Amino acid sequence: MAPLQLDWVKASRSYGHGDCVELAPAGDMIALRDSKRPEAPHLLFTRAEIAAFLDGARRGEFDHLLG
């Protein structure tokens, strides 16, 4: 079975730094991968799960993980 050809997107802040994850629509799911290891397995999340994560990120709920 051939791998899916996905249209990967990464945050503009990630360009040139190499420290990023990429997201892509994959049917009714959203795929997530490490841009440094595109051949590695991708994680799949529902759109609702990604929306909940993005909402939490906007609210700063994960900021403590960076320090």
Protein backbone atom coordinates (compact mmCIF):
# COMPACT_ATOMS: atom_id res chain seq x y z
CA MET A 1 0.00 0.00 0.00
CA ALA A 2 1.48 3.36 -1.03
CA PRO A 3 1.78 6.07 1.62
CA LEU A 4 -0.70 8.92 1.47
CA GLN A 5 0.47 12.08 -0.25
CA LEU A 6 -0.39 14.78 2.26
CA ASP A 7 -0.16 18.55 1.94
CA TRP A 8 2.01 19.35 4.99
CA VAL A 9 1.93 22.80 6.63
CA LYS A 10 4.21 24.21 9.32
CA ALA A 11 4.19 27.45 11.26
CA SER A 12 6.04 30.30 9.56
CA ARG A 13 8.11 30.76 12.72
CA SER A 14 9.53 27.26 12.17
CA TYR A 15 11.15 27.98 8.81
CA GLY A 16 14.94 28.10 8.98
CA HIS A 17 15.13 26.71 12.52
CA GLY A 18 14.45 23.03 11.93
CA ASP A 19 12.49 22.75 15.18
CA CYS A 20 8.98 22.17 14.01
CA VAL A 21 6.07 19.89 13.60
CA GLU A 22 3.91 19.81 10.51
CA LEU A 23 0.19 19.27 10.15
CA ALA A 24 -1.79 17.99 7.17
CA PRO A 25 -5.42 17.17 6.47
CA ALA A 26 -5.83 13.39 6.14
CA GLY A 27 -9.43 12.64 5.28
CA ASP A 28 -11.51 13.40 8.35
CA MET A 29 -8.38 13.44 10.53
CA ILE A 30 -5.38 15.76 10.96
CA ALA A 31 -1.91 14.21 10.68
CA LEU A 32 1.05 15.50 12.71
CA ARG A 33 4.73 14.73 12.09
CA ASP A 34 8.23 15.84 13.07
CA SER A 35 9.64 17.74 10.09
CA LYS A 36 13.15 16.40 10.81
CA ARG A 37 11.88 12.81 10.49
CA PRO A 38 9.18 12.85 7.79
CA GLU A 39 9.53 9.08 7.29
CA ALA A 40 8.66 8.37 10.93
CA PRO A 41 5.09 7.38 11.83
CA HIS A 42 2.57 10.20 11.86
CA LEU A 43 0.13 10.83 14.65
CA LEU A 44 -3.52 11.21 13.69
CA PHE A 45 -6.02 13.37 15.56
CA THR A 46 -9.64 14.31 15.00
CA ARG A 47 -10.39 17.89 14.02
CA ALA A 48 -12.07 18.35 17.42
CA GLU A 49 -8.88 17.20 19.20
CA ILE A 50 -6.74 19.64 17.19
CA ALA A 51 -9.24 22.44 17.85
CA ALA A 52 -9.10 21.75 21.60
CA PHE A 53 -5.29 21.74 21.54
CA LEU A 54 -5.10 24.99 19.57
CA ASP A 55 -7.55 26.63 21.96
CA GLY A 56 -5.43 25.57 24.92
CA ALA A 57 -2.28 26.83 23.19
CA ARG A 58 -3.90 30.20 22.51
CA ARG A 59 -4.84 30.45 26.18
CA GLY A 60 -1.27 29.66 27.29
CA GLU A 61 -2.24 26.40 29.00
CA PHE A 62 0.96 24.68 27.84
CA ASP A 63 3.41 27.55 28.31
CA HIS A 64 4.80 26.01 31.50
CA LEU A 65 6.11 23.08 29.43
CA LEU A 66 8.58 25.38 27.64
CA GLY A 67 10.36 26.71 30.70
